[in-house]
Amino acid sequence: MKKQLNIKPLSGFALIEPEEAEEVTASGIVLPDTAKERPAQGTVLAVGAPIKHPEHEVKAEFKVGDRVLYKKWGGDEIKIGGKEYKLVKFEDVMAVIE
């Protein structure tokens, strides 16, 4: 059973658990942490409320549990219990992986 995180993103934000970066290349070279490619995909753990504008609202086009692609340098990294997560804006999520 997955640990429940007590974080509720504010309007327009989503909490994502990034997938782990590659530890070893296809040719067998072990990569140090500084050389690993930054992951740009992960699983959505929580979604904030829609952003409300006077004439319309902006809803997330993804839901909790979806695997998504997000902008490589988008969002902020946060640490909870020694594990890293990303807090990203709805607009930084580019696609849902099916």
N, C-alpha and C. Protein backbone atom coordinates (compact mmCIF):
# COMPACT_ATOMS: atom_id res chain seq x y z
N MET A 1 0.83 -1.18 0.00
CA MET A 1 0.00 0.00 0.00
C MET A 1 0.88 1.25 0.00
N LYS A 2 0.56 2.22 -0.83
CA LYS A 2 1.34 3.43 -0.97
C LYS A 2 1.10 4.36 0.22
N LYS A 3 2.18 5.01 0.66
CA LYS A 3 2.09 5.94 1.78
C LYS A 3 1.26 7.15 1.38
N GLN A 4 0.35 7.56 2.27
CA GLN A 4 -0.49 8.73 2.03
C GLN A 4 0.29 9.99 2.37
N LEU A 5 0.36 10.92 1.44
CA LEU A 5 1.03 12.20 1.68
C LEU A 5 -0.02 13.21 2.11
N ASN A 6 0.28 13.98 3.13
CA ASN A 6 -0.67 14.97 3.63
C ASN A 6 -0.41 16.33 2.98
N ILE A 7 -0.44 16.35 1.66
CA ILE A 7 -0.23 17.58 0.91
C ILE A 7 -1.38 17.76 -0.07
N LYS A 8 -1.99 18.93 -0.02
CA LYS A 8 -3.05 19.28 -0.97
C LYS A 8 -2.57 20.48 -1.77
N PRO A 9 -2.23 20.29 -3.04
CA PRO A 9 -1.76 21.42 -3.85
C PRO A 9 -2.82 22.52 -3.95
N LEU A 10 -2.37 23.76 -4.03
CA LEU A 10 -3.28 24.88 -4.22
C LEU A 10 -3.77 24.91 -5.66
N SER A 11 -4.71 25.79 -5.93
CA SER A 11 -5.30 25.91 -7.27
C SER A 11 -4.22 26.03 -8.35
N GLY A 12 -4.35 25.22 -9.38
CA GLY A 12 -3.44 25.30 -10.52
C GLY A 12 -2.16 24.51 -10.39
N PHE A 13 -2.00 23.75 -9.30
CA PHE A 13 -0.79 22.97 -9.09
C PHE A 13 -1.10 21.49 -8.94
N ALA A 14 -0.09 20.65 -9.25
CA ALA A 14 -0.20 19.20 -9.08
C ALA A 14 1.07 18.68 -8.42
N LEU A 15 0.93 17.65 -7.60
CA LEU A 15 2.08 16.99 -6.97
C LEU A 15 2.39 15.73 -7.77
N ILE A 16 3.63 15.60 -8.22
CA ILE A 16 4.05 14.49 -9.07
C ILE A 16 5.22 13.76 -8.44
N GLU A 17 5.17 12.43 -8.49
CA GLU A 17 6.30 11.61 -8.06
C GLU A 17 7.11 11.27 -9.31
N PRO A 18 8.30 11.89 -9.47
CA PRO A 18 9.10 11.63 -10.67
C PRO A 18 9.57 10.19 -10.74
N GLU A 19 9.69 9.68 -11.97
CA GLU A 19 10.28 8.35 -12.14
C GLU A 19 11.77 8.46 -11.93
N GLU A 20 12.38 7.40 -11.47
CA GLU A 20 13.82 7.39 -11.17
C GLU A 20 14.63 7.56 -12.45
N ALA A 21 15.72 8.31 -12.35
CA ALA A 21 16.64 8.48 -13.47
C ALA A 21 17.42 7.20 -13.68
N GLU A 22 17.90 7.01 -14.89
CA GLU A 22 18.70 5.83 -15.22
C GLU A 22 19.98 5.78 -14.39
N GLU A 23 20.28 4.63 -13.82
CA GLU A 23 21.50 4.44 -13.04
C GLU A 23 22.66 3.97 -13.93
N VAL A 24 22.32 3.20 -14.98
CA VAL A 24 23.33 2.60 -15.85
C VAL A 24 22.91 2.83 -17.30
N THR A 25 23.85 3.20 -18.15
CA THR A 25 23.54 3.41 -19.56
C THR A 25 23.35 2.06 -20.25
N ALA A 26 22.87 2.11 -21.50
CA ALA A 26 22.66 0.89 -22.28
C ALA A 26 23.97 0.13 -22.48
N SER A 27 25.09 0.84 -22.49
CA SER A 27 26.38 0.18 -22.68
C SER A 27 27.01 -0.28 -21.35
N GLY A 28 26.28 -0.08 -20.23
CA GLY A 28 26.76 -0.59 -18.95
C GLY A 28 27.55 0.38 -18.10
N ILE A 29 27.62 1.64 -18.51
CA ILE A 29 28.37 2.64 -17.73
C ILE A 29 27.49 3.12 -16.58
N VAL A 30 28.02 3.06 -15.35
CA VAL A 30 27.28 3.51 -14.17
C VAL A 30 27.39 5.04 -14.09
N LEU A 31 26.24 5.69 -13.98
CA LEU A 31 26.21 7.15 -13.95
C LEU A 31 26.19 7.69 -12.52
N PRO A 32 27.01 8.70 -12.24
CA PRO A 32 26.92 9.36 -10.93
C PRO A 32 25.67 10.24 -10.90
N ASP A 33 25.21 10.63 -9.72
CA ASP A 33 24.01 11.45 -9.59
C ASP A 33 24.07 12.72 -10.43
N THR A 34 25.23 13.34 -10.53
CA THR A 34 25.36 14.60 -11.26
C THR A 34 25.22 14.43 -12.77
N ALA A 35 25.41 13.23 -13.30
CA ALA A 35 25.35 13.00 -14.74
C ALA A 35 24.02 12.41 -15.20
N LYS A 36 23.15 12.06 -14.27
CA LYS A 36 21.88 11.44 -14.64
C LYS A 36 20.97 12.44 -15.33
N GLU A 37 20.26 11.96 -16.32
CA GLU A 37 19.27 12.78 -17.02
C GLU A 37 18.12 13.08 -16.05
N ARG A 38 17.70 14.35 -16.00
CA ARG A 38 16.59 14.71 -15.12
C ARG A 38 15.31 14.06 -15.64
N PRO A 39 14.58 13.35 -14.79
CA PRO A 39 13.34 12.74 -15.26
C PRO A 39 12.32 13.82 -15.58
N ALA A 40 11.56 13.61 -16.62
CA ALA A 40 10.53 14.57 -17.01
C ALA A 40 9.19 13.86 -17.12
N GLN A 41 9.06 12.74 -16.42
CA GLN A 41 7.78 12.05 -16.36
C GLN A 41 7.61 11.47 -14.98
N GLY A 42 6.35 11.27 -14.61
CA GLY A 42 6.08 10.73 -13.29
C GLY A 42 4.60 10.48 -13.10
N THR A 43 4.23 10.12 -11.88
CA THR A 43 2.86 9.78 -11.54
C THR A 43 2.24 10.91 -10.71
N VAL A 44 1.03 11.29 -11.09
CA VAL A 44 0.32 12.36 -10.37
C VAL A 44 -0.21 11.80 -9.05
N LEU A 45 0.17 12.45 -7.94
CA LEU A 45 -0.26 12.03 -6.61
C LEU A 45 -1.41 12.87 -6.07
N ALA A 46 -1.48 14.14 -6.46
CA ALA A 46 -2.54 15.04 -6.00
C ALA A 46 -2.70 16.17 -7.00
N VAL A 47 -3.95 16.66 -7.13
CA VAL A 47 -4.26 17.73 -8.07
C VAL A 47 -5.03 18.83 -7.33
N GLY A 48 -4.58 20.07 -7.50
CA GLY A 48 -5.26 21.21 -6.88
C GLY A 48 -6.55 21.54 -7.60
N ALA A 49 -7.31 22.46 -7.01
CA ALA A 49 -8.57 22.91 -7.59
C ALA A 49 -8.31 23.66 -8.89
N PRO A 50 -9.36 23.79 -9.73
CA PRO A 50 -9.20 24.57 -10.96
C PRO A 50 -8.84 26.02 -10.65
N ILE A 51 -8.19 26.69 -11.61
CA ILE A 51 -7.89 28.11 -11.49
C ILE A 51 -9.13 28.86 -11.95
N LYS A 52 -9.66 29.75 -11.11
CA LYS A 52 -10.89 30.48 -11.45
C LYS A 52 -10.58 31.89 -11.92
N HIS A 53 -11.08 32.18 -13.14
CA HIS A 53 -11.00 33.51 -13.71
C HIS A 53 -12.43 34.05 -13.79
N PRO A 54 -12.62 35.36 -13.94
CA PRO A 54 -13.99 35.90 -13.99
C PRO A 54 -14.88 35.25 -15.06
N GLU A 55 -14.32 34.96 -16.24
CA GLU A 55 -15.14 34.41 -17.32
C GLU A 55 -15.02 32.90 -17.51
N HIS A 56 -14.01 32.28 -16.91
CA HIS A 56 -13.83 30.84 -17.11
C HIS A 56 -12.95 30.26 -16.01
N GLU A 57 -12.80 28.95 -16.03
CA GLU A 57 -11.87 28.30 -15.10
C GLU A 57 -10.98 27.33 -15.87
N VAL A 58 -9.76 27.13 -15.37
CA VAL A 58 -8.80 26.24 -16.01
C VAL A 58 -8.68 24.99 -15.15
N LYS A 59 -9.11 23.85 -15.70
CA LYS A 59 -9.05 22.58 -14.99
C LYS A 59 -7.85 21.77 -15.47
N ALA A 60 -7.37 20.89 -14.61
CA ALA A 60 -6.30 19.97 -15.01
C ALA A 60 -6.85 18.99 -16.04
N GLU A 61 -6.05 18.65 -17.04
CA GLU A 61 -6.46 17.68 -18.05
C GLU A 61 -5.92 16.30 -17.71
N PHE A 62 -5.61 16.07 -16.44
CA PHE A 62 -5.09 14.80 -15.94
C PHE A 62 -5.66 14.59 -14.55
N LYS A 63 -5.49 13.37 -14.03
CA LYS A 63 -6.06 13.05 -12.71
C LYS A 63 -5.05 12.27 -11.88
N VAL A 64 -5.36 12.12 -10.61
CA VAL A 64 -4.50 11.35 -9.71
C VAL A 64 -4.33 9.94 -10.28
N GLY A 65 -3.09 9.45 -10.30
CA GLY A 65 -2.78 8.12 -10.83
C GLY A 65 -2.28 8.13 -12.26
N ASP A 66 -2.51 9.22 -13.01
CA ASP A 66 -2.03 9.30 -14.39
C ASP A 66 -0.51 9.42 -14.41
N ARG A 67 0.12 8.79 -15.42
CA ARG A 67 1.54 9.02 -15.70
C ARG A 67 1.60 10.15 -16.71
N VAL A 68 2.40 11.17 -16.41
CA VAL A 68 2.44 12.36 -17.25
C VAL A 68 3.86 12.74 -17.64
N LEU A 69 3.96 13.50 -18.74
CA LEU A 69 5.21 14.15 -19.15
C LEU A 69 5.08 15.61 -18.75
N TYR A 70 6.11 16.16 -18.13
CA TYR A 70 6.08 17.57 -17.75
C TYR A 70 7.36 18.25 -18.20
N LYS A 71 7.35 19.57 -18.23
CA LYS A 71 8.52 20.32 -18.67
C LYS A 71 9.70 19.98 -17.77
N LYS A 72 10.84 19.69 -18.39
CA LYS A 72 12.03 19.23 -17.68
C LYS A 72 12.42 20.16 -16.54
N TRP A 73 12.34 21.45 -16.75
CA TRP A 73 12.76 22.41 -15.72
C TRP A 73 11.57 23.08 -15.07
N GLY A 74 10.36 22.57 -15.32
CA GLY A 74 9.16 23.15 -14.73
C GLY A 74 8.96 22.72 -13.28
N GLY A 75 8.25 23.51 -12.54
CA GLY A 75 7.89 23.16 -11.17
C GLY A 75 9.03 23.30 -10.18
N ASP A 76 8.73 22.92 -8.95
CA ASP A 76 9.70 22.99 -7.86
C ASP A 76 9.88 21.62 -7.25
N GLU A 77 11.13 21.29 -6.92
CA GLU A 77 11.41 20.03 -6.24
C GLU A 77 11.19 20.24 -4.75
N ILE A 78 10.49 19.28 -4.12
CA ILE A 78 10.31 19.31 -2.68
C ILE A 78 10.68 17.94 -2.13
N LYS A 79 11.14 17.91 -0.89
CA LYS A 79 11.49 16.65 -0.24
C LYS A 79 10.54 16.40 0.91
N ILE A 80 10.00 15.18 0.94
CA ILE A 80 9.12 14.76 2.02
C ILE A 80 9.60 13.40 2.47
N GLY A 81 9.98 13.28 3.73
CA GLY A 81 10.46 12.00 4.24
C GLY A 81 11.66 11.47 3.48
N GLY A 82 12.53 12.36 3.00
CA GLY A 82 13.73 11.94 2.28
C GLY A 82 13.51 11.60 0.82
N LYS A 83 12.27 11.69 0.33
CA LYS A 83 11.96 11.37 -1.06
C LYS A 83 11.63 12.66 -1.81
N GLU A 84 12.07 12.75 -3.07
CA GLU A 84 11.84 13.96 -3.86
C GLU A 84 10.55 13.86 -4.68
N TYR A 85 9.84 14.99 -4.73
CA TYR A 85 8.62 15.13 -5.50
C TYR A 85 8.71 16.43 -6.28
N LYS A 86 7.80 16.60 -7.25
CA LYS A 86 7.73 17.85 -8.02
C LYS A 86 6.35 18.46 -7.80
N LEU A 87 6.34 19.77 -7.56
CA LEU A 87 5.10 20.52 -7.48
C LEU A 87 5.08 21.40 -8.72
N VAL A 88 4.19 21.06 -9.68
CA VAL A 88 4.19 21.73 -10.98
C VAL A 88 2.86 22.41 -11.27
N LYS A 89 2.92 23.45 -12.10
CA LYS A 89 1.71 24.13 -12.54
C LYS A 89 1.01 23.24 -13.58
N PHE A 90 -0.32 23.36 -13.66
CA PHE A 90 -1.07 22.62 -14.67
C PHE A 90 -0.45 22.82 -16.05
N GLU A 91 -0.05 24.06 -16.36
CA GLU A 91 0.46 24.38 -17.70
C GLU A 91 1.81 23.74 -17.99
N ASP A 92 2.52 23.26 -16.96
CA ASP A 92 3.81 22.59 -17.17
C ASP A 92 3.66 21.11 -17.50
N VAL A 93 2.45 20.57 -17.37
CA VAL A 93 2.19 19.17 -17.74
C VAL A 93 1.82 19.17 -19.22
N MET A 94 2.61 18.41 -20.02
CA MET A 94 2.45 18.47 -21.48
C MET A 94 1.65 17.31 -22.07
N ALA A 95 1.62 16.14 -21.38
CA ALA A 95 0.94 14.99 -21.96
C ALA A 95 0.66 13.94 -20.89
N VAL A 96 -0.36 13.13 -21.15
CA VAL A 96 -0.66 11.96 -20.32
C VAL A 96 -0.13 10.74 -21.07
N ILE A 97 0.62 9.89 -20.38
CA ILE A 97 1.17 8.67 -20.99
C ILE A 97 0.14 7.57 -20.86
N GLU A 98 -0.27 7.00 -22.00
CA GLU A 98 -1.28 5.93 -21.97
C GLU A 98 -0.66 4.57 -22.09
